[in-house]
Amino acid sequence: MKSFAHAGPDINEPDKPLISRILPDILAFAIGLAAAYFLKWDIKDLVWSLWLCSLVLGYLTLLGALAGGAYIGVHAITHKDFKKSMRMTAILMGLGLGAFFLGFFSLHFGAFHAGHSVFLQQFFPVEGMPKDGFGDAFMNPPLLWILVFKHLMAPYGLFLIPAIIAERQHVFMPLIKAVKAVRTDTAPDFRLSGRTEGQNGKKSHPAGDAMSRPYINVVRMHLLIFFFAFAHILKLDSFLVYAVVSFVYFFPWSEFKKRRASNKPVDATA
């Protein structure tokens, strides 16, 4: 499992210069830090911006995977070897499967964030938000999104820009992989398995870790909120706290970990 600290640069393009791989992360770090400084955010703002990012990025990651699956599905059913008599069945099955995953994810993931907002509103209250946070939307995803846009998108939506840059691999890669797999048809069994041959000959699915990544971000959010609480007790400077958070979010940890691993000497006896 990849580190939850950061999505990392493009692992599928190892031959690109290091600076070009980490430049987007540096840009994300600068945008996030500048936003906190000029908007004079405090710890409350940091907490809710992370909560918003966790919710939005989770949905975007799943939607990217569903879009990738839909792209592959359309290519498969329009292929000359696919029986025309089976197309309607395949379409209905695909739509049903996509609706199931989206519905299940919306209820479970949305309910978790709605419940979490109740806790956050008690300790980091946002002016104008209901006293119980978004508790009324516990099992109501549409209401949750209405409340989020009403209370959080305007003050904290700016943080989504650097967050999406940092998570670009997980948000966009499922769809990109699907498009590449269809156009290049790199795997002989692609039309049957939906899997493509990745780096080092390993099989990878275009959907990637779309179901697990949103929950990895939830774990990251929880750990950072514990850090926020500790910083709040110690009355640490809010900008210093935000700098630490930005470093955790946007520093390309995986890239340097990969470079360190590649520089290890190879055991000749292995």
Protein backbone atom coordinates (compact mmCIF):
# COMPACT_ATOMS: atom_id res chain seq x y z
CA MET A 1 0.00 0.00 0.00
CA LYS A 2 1.27 3.44 -0.87
CA SER A 3 1.98 5.94 1.84
CA PHE A 4 -1.10 7.97 2.73
CA ALA A 5 1.07 11.04 3.09
CA HIS A 6 0.98 11.91 -0.57
CA ALA A 7 -0.17 10.70 -3.91
CA GLY A 8 3.25 11.30 -5.41
CA PRO A 9 4.48 12.15 -8.88
CA ASP A 10 3.63 10.14 -11.96
CA ILE A 11 4.90 6.67 -11.23
CA ASN A 12 4.19 5.66 -14.80
CA GLU A 13 6.79 8.06 -16.21
CA PRO A 14 10.00 7.29 -14.31
CA ASP A 15 12.22 8.60 -17.12
CA LYS A 16 10.98 12.17 -16.79
CA PRO A 17 13.38 14.56 -15.01
CA LEU A 18 12.86 14.77 -11.26
CA ILE A 19 12.03 18.47 -11.32
CA SER A 20 9.24 17.98 -13.89
CA ARG A 21 7.72 15.20 -11.76
CA ILE A 22 7.68 17.18 -8.52
CA LEU A 23 6.98 20.63 -9.98
CA PRO A 24 3.18 20.24 -9.64
CA ASP A 25 3.65 19.34 -5.96
CA ILE A 26 5.79 22.41 -5.39
CA LEU A 27 3.09 24.50 -7.07
CA ALA A 28 0.41 22.92 -4.86
CA PHE A 29 2.49 23.64 -1.77
CA ALA A 30 2.89 27.30 -2.80
CA ILE A 31 -0.83 27.74 -3.54
CA GLY A 32 -1.88 26.18 -0.25
CA LEU A 33 0.60 28.14 1.82
CA ALA A 34 -0.28 31.42 0.09
CA ALA A 35 -3.99 30.82 0.68
CA ALA A 36 -3.46 30.28 4.40
CA TYR A 37 -1.25 33.35 4.71
CA PHE A 38 -3.32 35.87 2.78
CA LEU A 39 -6.69 34.62 4.04
CA LYS A 40 -5.30 34.48 7.61
CA TRP A 41 -6.66 31.01 8.26
CA ASP A 42 -6.66 29.62 11.78
CA ILE A 43 -6.78 25.99 12.95
CA LYS A 44 -10.57 25.86 12.51
CA ASP A 45 -10.16 26.77 8.85
CA LEU A 46 -7.48 24.11 8.40
CA VAL A 47 -9.68 21.42 9.93
CA TRP A 48 -12.69 22.16 7.77
CA SER A 49 -10.65 22.57 4.60
CA LEU A 50 -9.25 19.07 5.18
CA TRP A 51 -12.73 17.70 5.82
CA LEU A 52 -13.97 19.26 2.58
CA CYS A 53 -11.03 17.88 0.61
CA SER A 54 -11.55 14.40 2.01
CA LEU A 55 -15.18 14.39 0.91
CA VAL A 56 -14.69 15.95 -2.53
CA LEU A 57 -11.55 14.02 -3.47
CA GLY A 58 -13.15 10.78 -2.35
CA TYR A 59 -16.03 11.30 -4.74
CA LEU A 60 -13.80 12.48 -7.57
CA THR A 61 -11.62 9.39 -7.19
CA LEU A 62 -14.61 7.08 -7.43
CA LEU A 63 -16.13 9.00 -10.34
CA GLY A 64 -12.81 8.80 -12.17
CA ALA A 65 -12.80 5.03 -11.75
CA LEU A 66 -16.42 4.74 -12.89
CA ALA A 67 -15.63 6.91 -15.93
CA GLY A 68 -12.68 4.66 -16.76
CA GLY A 69 -14.86 1.58 -16.45
CA ALA A 70 -17.53 3.15 -18.65
CA TYR A 71 -14.94 4.02 -21.30
CA ILE A 72 -13.68 0.44 -21.36
CA GLY A 73 -17.22 -0.89 -21.39
CA VAL A 74 -18.24 1.22 -24.39
CA HIS A 75 -15.12 0.09 -26.25
CA ALA A 76 -15.81 -3.55 -25.41
CA ILE A 77 -19.46 -3.67 -26.50
CA THR A 78 -18.70 -1.85 -29.76
CA HIS A 79 -15.86 -4.23 -30.63
CA LYS A 80 -16.45 -6.40 -33.69
CA ASP A 81 -16.03 -9.59 -31.65
CA PHE A 82 -18.75 -8.62 -29.17
CA LYS A 83 -22.15 -10.18 -29.90
CA LYS A 84 -24.74 -7.54 -30.74
CA SER A 85 -27.43 -9.57 -29.01
CA MET A 86 -25.57 -9.16 -25.71
CA ARG A 87 -25.06 -5.39 -25.90
CA MET A 88 -28.24 -4.35 -24.11
CA THR A 89 -27.61 -6.89 -21.36
CA ALA A 90 -24.05 -5.63 -20.96
CA ILE A 91 -25.21 -2.01 -20.85
CA LEU A 92 -27.82 -2.73 -18.19
CA MET A 93 -25.34 -4.73 -16.12
CA GLY A 94 -22.75 -1.96 -16.38
CA LEU A 95 -25.22 0.75 -15.41
CA GLY A 96 -26.50 -1.35 -12.53
CA LEU A 97 -23.01 -2.08 -11.24
CA GLY A 98 -21.99 1.57 -11.50
CA ALA A 99 -25.16 2.73 -9.74
CA PHE A 100 -24.61 0.19 -6.97
CA PHE A 101 -21.03 1.29 -6.29
CA LEU A 102 -21.96 4.98 -6.44
CA GLY A 103 -24.97 4.48 -4.17
CA PHE A 104 -23.14 2.34 -1.64
CA PHE A 105 -20.17 4.68 -1.57
CA SER A 106 -22.41 7.75 -1.24
CA LEU A 107 -24.26 6.29 1.74
CA HIS A 108 -21.23 4.90 3.56
CA PHE A 109 -18.66 7.58 2.77
CA GLY A 110 -21.17 10.42 3.03
CA ALA A 111 -22.58 9.14 6.33
CA PHE A 112 -19.08 8.94 7.78
CA HIS A 113 -18.33 12.54 6.88
CA ALA A 114 -21.72 13.75 8.08
CA GLY A 115 -21.16 12.05 11.43
CA HIS A 116 -17.63 13.40 11.60
CA SER A 117 -18.91 16.93 11.01
CA VAL A 118 -21.01 16.70 14.18
CA PHE A 119 -17.84 16.14 16.19
CA LEU A 120 -15.90 18.88 14.40
CA GLN A 121 -18.66 21.46 14.81
CA GLN A 122 -18.49 21.02 18.59
CA PHE A 123 -14.77 21.79 18.77
CA PHE A 124 -14.20 23.95 15.67
CA PRO A 125 -17.58 25.67 15.08
CA VAL A 126 -18.25 27.37 11.77
CA GLU A 127 -20.47 30.44 11.93
CA GLY A 128 -23.87 29.84 10.34
CA MET A 129 -23.55 26.06 10.27
CA PRO A 130 -26.13 24.00 12.24
CA LYS A 131 -25.05 23.17 15.80
CA ASP A 132 -24.95 19.48 14.98
CA GLY A 133 -22.89 20.03 11.85
CA PHE A 134 -24.32 18.03 8.97
CA GLY A 135 -25.93 15.43 11.21
CA ASP A 136 -29.30 15.81 9.47
CA ALA A 137 -27.65 14.50 6.28
CA PHE A 138 -26.30 11.33 7.94
CA MET A 139 -28.00 9.00 5.43
CA ASN A 140 -28.94 11.64 2.87
CA PRO A 141 -26.08 12.27 0.39
CA PRO A 142 -27.96 14.92 -1.69
CA LEU A 143 -28.69 16.95 1.45
CA LEU A 144 -25.06 16.59 2.53
CA TRP A 145 -23.84 18.13 -0.72
CA ILE A 146 -26.39 20.94 -0.48
CA LEU A 147 -25.16 21.81 3.02
CA VAL A 148 -21.52 21.52 1.99
CA PHE A 149 -21.97 23.98 -0.88
CA LYS A 150 -23.95 26.31 1.35
CA HIS A 151 -21.54 26.45 4.29
CA LEU A 152 -18.07 25.30 3.19
CA MET A 153 -17.45 25.68 -0.53
CA ALA A 154 -17.15 29.48 -0.52
CA PRO A 155 -14.71 29.82 2.41
CA TYR A 156 -12.65 26.65 1.83
CA GLY A 157 -13.13 25.68 -1.81
CA LEU A 158 -9.81 27.31 -2.72
CA PHE A 159 -7.94 24.54 -0.88
CA LEU A 160 -9.39 22.01 -3.34
CA ILE A 161 -7.06 23.33 -6.06
CA PRO A 162 -3.75 22.30 -4.44
CA ALA A 163 -5.37 19.18 -2.98
CA ILE A 164 -6.48 17.97 -6.42
CA ILE A 165 -2.99 18.66 -7.76
CA ALA A 166 -1.49 16.59 -4.94
CA GLU A 167 -3.96 13.73 -5.50
CA ARG A 168 -3.89 13.94 -9.29
CA GLN A 169 -2.63 10.38 -9.73
CA HIS A 170 -5.54 8.86 -7.82
CA VAL A 171 -8.21 11.22 -9.14
CA PHE A 172 -7.38 11.10 -12.85
CA MET A 173 -5.21 8.01 -13.37
CA PRO A 174 -8.05 5.43 -13.54
CA LEU A 175 -9.57 7.22 -16.53
CA ILE A 176 -6.18 7.91 -18.13
CA LYS A 177 -5.19 4.25 -17.77
CA ALA A 178 -8.47 3.15 -19.31
CA VAL A 179 -8.01 5.44 -22.32
CA LYS A 180 -4.40 4.30 -22.81
CA ALA A 181 -5.36 0.65 -22.46
CA VAL A 182 -8.07 0.96 -25.09
CA ARG A 183 -5.96 2.96 -27.54
CA THR A 184 -2.83 0.82 -27.30
CA ASP A 185 -4.51 -2.52 -26.48
CA THR A 186 -1.28 -3.44 -24.67
CA ALA A 187 -2.57 -6.61 -23.02
CA PRO A 188 -3.79 -9.58 -25.09
CA ASP A 189 -6.40 -10.43 -22.45
CA PHE A 190 -7.53 -6.83 -22.01
CA ARG A 191 -11.03 -7.26 -23.43
CA LEU A 192 -11.66 -10.21 -21.14
CA SER A 193 -10.04 -9.13 -17.89
CA GLY A 194 -10.00 -5.34 -18.18
CA ARG A 195 -6.42 -5.46 -16.90
CA THR A 196 -3.33 -4.03 -18.49
CA GLU A 197 0.29 -4.95 -18.09
CA GLY A 198 2.00 -2.32 -16.02
CA GLN A 199 5.54 -1.62 -14.95
CA ASN A 200 7.72 -4.70 -14.29
CA GLY A 201 5.15 -6.87 -16.05
CA LYS A 202 2.64 -6.66 -13.23
CA LYS A 203 -1.07 -6.65 -14.01
CA SER A 204 -2.92 -3.53 -13.00
CA HIS A 205 -6.58 -2.60 -13.16
CA PRO A 206 -7.56 0.76 -14.65
CA ALA A 207 -9.68 1.49 -11.58
CA GLY A 208 -6.55 1.48 -9.44
CA ASP A 209 -7.27 1.99 -5.74
CA ALA A 210 -10.44 4.02 -6.24
CA MET A 211 -12.30 2.29 -3.43
CA SER A 212 -9.48 2.32 -0.89
CA ARG A 213 -7.87 5.71 -1.54
CA PRO A 214 -10.78 7.81 -0.17
CA TYR A 215 -10.58 5.93 3.12
CA ILE A 216 -6.80 6.30 3.23
CA ASN A 217 -7.40 10.05 3.02
CA VAL A 218 -9.86 9.72 5.90
CA VAL A 219 -7.13 8.15 8.04
CA ARG A 220 -4.79 10.98 7.08
CA MET A 221 -7.46 13.52 8.01
CA HIS A 222 -7.94 11.91 11.42
CA LEU A 223 -4.22 11.94 12.19
CA LEU A 224 -3.92 15.57 11.16
CA ILE A 225 -6.91 16.55 13.29
CA PHE A 226 -5.19 14.97 16.31
CA PHE A 227 -2.21 17.14 15.43
CA PHE A 228 -4.50 20.18 15.20
CA ALA A 229 -5.94 19.47 18.63
CA PHE A 230 -2.44 19.17 20.09
CA ALA A 231 -1.40 22.42 18.39
CA HIS A 232 -4.54 24.13 19.65
CA ILE A 233 -3.79 23.12 23.24
CA LEU A 234 -0.23 24.42 22.92
CA LYS A 235 -1.51 27.60 21.23
CA LEU A 236 0.89 27.18 18.32
CA ASP A 237 0.89 29.73 15.54
CA SER A 238 -1.76 28.81 12.96
CA PHE A 239 0.46 29.57 9.97
CA LEU A 240 3.19 27.31 11.36
CA VAL A 241 0.63 24.55 11.76
CA TYR A 242 -0.57 25.06 8.21
CA ALA A 243 3.00 24.91 6.92
CA VAL A 244 3.40 21.50 8.57
CA VAL A 245 0.12 20.29 7.08
CA SER A 246 1.07 21.54 3.62
CA PHE A 247 4.40 19.76 3.91
CA VAL A 248 2.63 16.50 4.77
CA TYR A 249 0.14 16.92 1.92
CA PHE A 250 2.29 18.16 -0.91
CA PHE A 251 5.87 16.98 -0.38
CA PRO A 252 6.59 14.21 -2.94
CA TRP A 253 7.43 11.55 -0.36
CA SER A 254 6.89 8.61 -2.71
CA GLU A 255 9.27 10.02 -5.32
CA PHE A 256 12.18 10.31 -2.90
CA LYS A 257 11.36 6.93 -1.37
CA LYS A 258 11.50 5.42 -4.85
CA ARG A 259 14.80 7.13 -5.62
CA ARG A 260 16.26 5.89 -2.34
CA ALA A 261 15.19 2.36 -3.16
CA SER A 262 16.66 2.56 -6.67
CA ASN A 263 20.01 3.71 -5.26
CA LYS A 264 20.35 0.66 -3.00
CA PRO A 265 23.11 -1.73 -4.12
CA VAL A 266 21.91 -4.95 -5.70
CA ASP A 267 22.96 -8.19 -4.00
CA ALA A 268 24.94 -10.13 -6.60
CA THR A 269 24.21 -13.43 -4.86
CA ALA A 270 20.44 -12.94 -5.05
